C-alpha atoms as a PDB file:
ATOM      1  CA  MET A   1      -1.154 -34.803 -20.303  1.00  0.00           C
ATOM      2  CA  ARG A   2       1.431 -34.978 -17.752  1.00  0.00           C
ATOM      3  CA  ARG A   3       3.575 -33.123 -20.228  1.00  0.00           C
ATOM      4  CA  THR A   4       1.469 -30.130 -20.533  1.00  0.00           C
ATOM      5  CA  TRP A   5       0.890 -29.725 -16.472  1.00  0.00           C
ATOM      6  CA  GLY A   6       4.969 -30.369 -15.934  1.00  0.00           C
ATOM      7  CA  LEU A   7       5.587 -27.262 -18.446  1.00  0.00           C
ATOM      8  CA  GLY A   8       2.755 -25.345 -16.811  1.00  0.00           C
ATOM      9  CA  ALA A   9       4.418 -26.263 -13.467  1.00  0.00           C
ATOM     10  CA  THR A  10       8.096 -25.553 -14.691  1.00  0.00           C
ATOM     11  CA  LEU A  11       6.427 -21.929 -16.183  1.00  0.00           C
ATOM     12  CA  ALA A  12       4.608 -20.731 -12.823  1.00  0.00           C
ATOM     13  CA  GLY A  13       7.750 -21.402 -11.366  1.00  0.00           C
ATOM     14  CA  VAL A  14       9.453 -19.082 -13.478  1.00  0.00           C
ATOM     15  CA  LEU A  15       7.771 -16.368 -13.241  1.00  0.00           C
ATOM     16  CA  LEU A  16       7.608 -16.941  -9.296  1.00  0.00           C
ATOM     17  CA  ALA A  17      11.459 -17.193  -9.133  1.00  0.00           C
ATOM     18  CA  SER A  18      11.481 -13.716 -10.921  1.00  0.00           C
ATOM     19  CA  ALA A  19       8.541 -12.199  -9.092  1.00  0.00           C
ATOM     20  CA  ALA A  20      10.174 -13.110  -5.730  1.00  0.00           C
ATOM     21  CA  GLN A  21      13.357 -11.471  -6.802  1.00  0.00           C
ATOM     22  CA  ALA A  22      12.183  -8.385  -7.784  1.00  0.00           C
ATOM     23  CA  ALA A  23      12.933  -5.068  -4.978  1.00  0.00           C
ATOM     24  CA  ASP A  24      10.856  -3.012  -3.617  1.00  0.00           C
ATOM     25  CA  HIS A  25      12.087   0.462  -2.725  1.00  0.00           C
ATOM     26  CA  GLN A  26      10.880   2.496  -0.355  1.00  0.00           C
ATOM     27  CA  VAL A  27      10.944   6.469  -0.691  1.00  0.00           C
ATOM     28  CA  GLN A  28       9.404   8.834   2.164  1.00  0.00           C
ATOM     29  CA  MET A  29       7.673  11.757   1.075  1.00  0.00           C
ATOM     30  CA  LEU A  30       9.330  14.054   3.840  1.00  0.00           C
ATOM     31  CA  ASN A  31       8.378  18.071   5.066  1.00  0.00           C
ATOM     32  CA  LYS A  32      11.852  17.574   6.749  1.00  0.00           C
ATOM     33  CA  GLY A  33      14.771  15.064   5.920  1.00  0.00           C
ATOM     34  CA  ASP A  34      18.680  14.439   6.047  1.00  0.00           C
ATOM     35  CA  LYS A  35      19.021  17.087   2.836  1.00  0.00           C
ATOM     36  CA  GLY A  36      17.137  19.679   4.186  1.00  0.00           C
ATOM     37  CA  VAL A  37      13.125  20.622   3.650  1.00  0.00           C
ATOM     38  CA  MET A  38      10.257  19.098   1.256  1.00  0.00           C
ATOM     39  CA  VAL A  39      12.308  16.298   0.314  1.00  0.00           C
ATOM     40  CA  PHE A  40      12.184  12.451  -1.238  1.00  0.00           C
ATOM     41  CA  GLN A  41      13.914  10.172   1.109  1.00  0.00           C
ATOM     42  CA  PRO A  42      15.977   8.411  -0.767  1.00  0.00           C
ATOM     43  CA  ASP A  43      16.416  10.680  -3.633  1.00  0.00           C
ATOM     44  CA  PHE A  44      18.587   8.713  -5.611  1.00  0.00           C
ATOM     45  CA  VAL A  45      17.546   4.881  -6.368  1.00  0.00           C
ATOM     46  CA  GLN A  46      19.269   2.518  -7.929  1.00  0.00           C
ATOM     47  CA  ALA A  47      16.672  -0.391  -9.374  1.00  0.00           C
ATOM     48  CA  MET A  48      16.617  -3.305 -11.642  1.00  0.00           C
ATOM     49  CA  PRO A  49      13.638  -3.599 -14.079  1.00  0.00           C
ATOM     50  CA  GLY A  50      10.894  -5.607 -12.515  1.00  0.00           C
ATOM     51  CA  ASP A  51      11.579  -3.813  -9.167  1.00  0.00           C
ATOM     52  CA  THR A  52       9.045  -1.818  -7.684  1.00  0.00           C
ATOM     53  CA  VAL A  53       9.299   1.708  -5.439  1.00  0.00           C
ATOM     54  CA  THR A  54       6.766   3.174  -3.165  1.00  0.00           C
ATOM     55  CA  PHE A  55       6.401   6.328  -2.304  1.00  0.00           C
ATOM     56  CA  ILE A  56       5.283   6.861   1.062  1.00  0.00           C
ATOM     57  CA  PRO A  57       3.619  10.202   2.542  1.00  0.00           C
ATOM     58  CA  THR A  58       5.186  10.064   5.803  1.00  0.00           C
ATOM     59  CA  ASP A  59       4.283  13.614   5.293  1.00  0.00           C
ATOM     60  CA  ARG A  60       1.205  14.763   4.112  1.00  0.00           C
ATOM     61  CA  SER A  61       0.583  17.210   1.127  1.00  0.00           C
ATOM     62  CA  HIS A  62       2.947  15.311  -1.043  1.00  0.00           C
ATOM     63  CA  ASP A  63       2.870  12.992  -4.169  1.00  0.00           C
ATOM     64  CA  ALA A  64       4.712  11.876  -6.738  1.00  0.00           C
ATOM     65  CA  GLU A  65       4.758  12.095 -10.724  1.00  0.00           C
ATOM     66  CA  SER A  66       6.835  11.401 -13.122  1.00  0.00           C
ATOM     67  CA  ILE A  67       8.205  14.548 -14.555  1.00  0.00           C
ATOM     68  CA  LYS A  68       7.438  14.476 -18.723  1.00  0.00           C
ATOM     69  CA  GLY A  69      10.618  14.071 -21.397  1.00  0.00           C
ATOM     70  CA  MET A  70      12.535  12.304 -18.558  1.00  0.00           C
ATOM     71  CA  ILE A  71      11.101   8.422 -18.695  1.00  0.00           C
ATOM     72  CA  PRO A  72      12.372   6.010 -20.886  1.00  0.00           C
ATOM     73  CA  ASP A  73      10.430   5.195 -24.153  1.00  0.00           C
ATOM     74  CA  GLY A  74       8.076   3.273 -24.080  1.00  0.00           C
ATOM     75  CA  ALA A  75       7.775   3.417 -20.392  1.00  0.00           C
ATOM     76  CA  GLN A  76       4.290   4.772 -18.692  1.00  0.00           C
ATOM     77  CA  PRO A  77       4.073   8.027 -16.696  1.00  0.00           C
ATOM     78  CA  PHE A  78       2.536   7.625 -13.660  1.00  0.00           C
ATOM     79  CA  LYS A  79       1.139  10.698 -11.045  1.00  0.00           C
ATOM     80  CA  GLY A  80       0.398   9.893  -7.761  1.00  0.00           C
ATOM     81  CA  LYS A  81      -2.812  11.823  -5.570  1.00  0.00           C
ATOM     82  CA  LEU A  82      -1.681  14.031  -2.754  1.00  0.00           C
ATOM     83  CA  SER A  83      -1.117  12.658   0.233  1.00  0.00           C
ATOM     84  CA  GLU A  84      -1.419   9.067  -0.956  1.00  0.00           C
ATOM     85  CA  GLN A  85       0.749   6.068  -1.454  1.00  0.00           C
ATOM     86  CA  ILE A  86       1.804   5.054  -4.735  1.00  0.00           C
ATOM     87  CA  THR A  87       3.835   1.799  -5.925  1.00  0.00           C
ATOM     88  CA  VAL A  88       5.287   2.176  -9.091  1.00  0.00           C
ATOM     89  CA  THR A  89       6.364  -1.086 -11.373  1.00  0.00           C
ATOM     90  CA  PHE A  90       9.684  -0.148 -13.217  1.00  0.00           C
ATOM     91  CA  ASP A  91       9.883  -2.283 -16.483  1.00  0.00           C
ATOM     92  CA  GLN A  92      12.158   0.081 -19.074  1.00  0.00           C
ATOM     93  CA  GLU A  93      15.647   0.313 -18.295  1.00  0.00           C
ATOM     94  CA  GLY A  94      16.360   4.407 -17.957  1.00  0.00           C
ATOM     95  CA  VAL A  95      16.542   7.603 -15.807  1.00  0.00           C
ATOM     96  CA  TYR A  96      13.080   8.501 -14.519  1.00  0.00           C
ATOM     97  CA  GLY A  97      12.802  12.226 -13.616  1.00  0.00           C
ATOM     98  CA  VAL A  98      10.337  12.222 -10.594  1.00  0.00           C
ATOM     99  CA  LYS A  99       8.909  15.633  -8.826  1.00  0.00           C
ATOM    100  CA  CYS A 100       6.165  16.459  -6.054  1.00  0.00           C
ATOM    101  CA  THR A 101       3.942  18.208  -8.175  1.00  0.00           C
ATOM    102  CA  PRO A 102       2.887  21.278  -4.906  1.00  0.00           C
ATOM    103  CA  HIS A 103       7.058  21.473  -3.941  1.00  0.00           C
ATOM    104  CA  TYR A 104       8.583  21.024  -7.375  1.00  0.00           C
ATOM    105  CA  GLY A 105      10.061  24.541  -7.110  1.00  0.00           C
ATOM    106  CA  MET A 106      11.581  24.332  -3.681  1.00  0.00           C
ATOM    107  CA  GLY A 107      13.762  20.705  -5.020  1.00  0.00           C
ATOM    108  CA  MET A 108      11.316  17.702  -4.225  1.00  0.00           C
ATOM    109  CA  VAL A 109      12.467  15.731  -7.361  1.00  0.00           C
ATOM    110  CA  ALA A 110      14.138  12.539  -7.336  1.00  0.00           C
ATOM    111  CA  LEU A 111      16.098  10.352  -9.978  1.00  0.00           C
ATOM    112  CA  ILE A 112      14.894   6.287 -10.633  1.00  0.00           C
ATOM    113  CA  VAL A 113      18.020   4.646 -12.401  1.00  0.00           C
ATOM    114  CA  VAL A 114      16.653   1.182 -13.215  1.00  0.00           C
ATOM    115  CA  GLY A 115      19.289  -0.717 -15.731  1.00  0.00           C
ATOM    116  CA  LYS A 116      21.419   1.346 -17.704  1.00  0.00           C
ATOM    117  CA  PRO A 117      20.856   4.888 -18.344  1.00  0.00           C
ATOM    118  CA  VAL A 118      19.541   4.613 -21.900  1.00  0.00           C
ATOM    119  CA  ASN A 119      17.651   8.303 -22.034  1.00  0.00           C
ATOM    120  CA  LEU A 120      20.515   9.993 -19.839  1.00  0.00           C
ATOM    121  CA  ASP A 121      21.099  12.495 -21.828  1.00  0.00           C
ATOM    122  CA  ALA A 122      17.583  13.471 -23.115  1.00  0.00           C
ATOM    123  CA  ALA A 123      16.783  13.644 -19.056  1.00  0.00           C
ATOM    124  CA  ARG A 124      19.413  16.053 -18.590  1.00  0.00           C
ATOM    125  CA  ALA A 125      18.315  17.858 -21.607  1.00  0.00           C
ATOM    126  CA  VAL A 126      14.825  18.617 -19.867  1.00  0.00           C
ATOM    127  CA  LYS A 127      14.824  22.196 -18.379  1.00  0.00           C
ATOM    128  CA  GLN A 128      14.370  22.306 -14.988  1.00  0.00           C
ATOM    129  CA  THR A 129      13.433  25.359 -12.870  1.00  0.00           C
ATOM    130  CA  GLY A 130      14.145  26.654  -9.371  1.00  0.00           C
ATOM    131  CA  LYS A 131      15.977  24.737  -6.687  1.00  0.00           C
ATOM    132  CA  ALA A 132      15.155  21.405  -8.512  1.00  0.00           C
ATOM    133  CA  LYS A 133      17.799  22.271 -11.100  1.00  0.00           C
ATOM    134  CA  LYS A 134      20.567  22.193  -8.224  1.00  0.00           C
ATOM    135  CA  VAL A 135      19.520  18.707  -7.423  1.00  0.00           C
ATOM    136  CA  PHE A 136      19.160  17.291 -10.590  1.00  0.00           C
ATOM    137  CA  GLU A 137      22.756  18.727 -11.631  1.00  0.00           C
ATOM    138  CA  GLU A 138      23.791  17.031  -8.286  1.00  0.00           C
ATOM    139  CA  LEU A 139      21.775  13.621  -8.709  1.00  0.00           C
ATOM    140  CA  PHE A 140      22.828  12.871 -12.479  1.00  0.00           C
ATOM    141  CA  GLN A 141      26.522  12.889 -10.830  1.00  0.00           C
ATOM    142  CA  GLN A 142      25.616   9.513  -8.881  1.00  0.00           C
ATOM    143  CA  VAL A 143      24.464   7.721 -12.096  1.00  0.00           C
ATOM    144  CA  PRO A 144      27.056   5.218 -13.246  1.00  0.00           C
ATOM    145  CA  ALA A 145      28.975   5.833 -16.114  1.00  0.00           C
ATOM    146  CA  GLN A 146      27.633   3.381 -19.410  1.00  0.00           C
END
């Protein structure tokens, strides 16, 4: 009986330690930021598997949504509600493209790299429009070499 309890306590300790090491990255959704108007700030996040990203609607009328084709295989897409905070846990390694649906054409996009950018080529191949195309070109330059 004691051995079972000890094993359970050890497992619980490992799980708590893992959760304690996960980081929460804060990303503001802004009408005006350091890089101009209609931006995520920061617009590039380097994370580890298990980390979370909290998208904060500092200014109203923004959301955060994953971009089809710009998430790793096996990862779940996400879509926040307009003017509401959303926290996303990133368990799969790879590159995640994020957009603000109403302001995508104005270049309100972000790039999250979790661990190794295993789907980098596929993410780069996704066609972008408007100012989002230029912003993603700049963001992809920040992805560390594999």
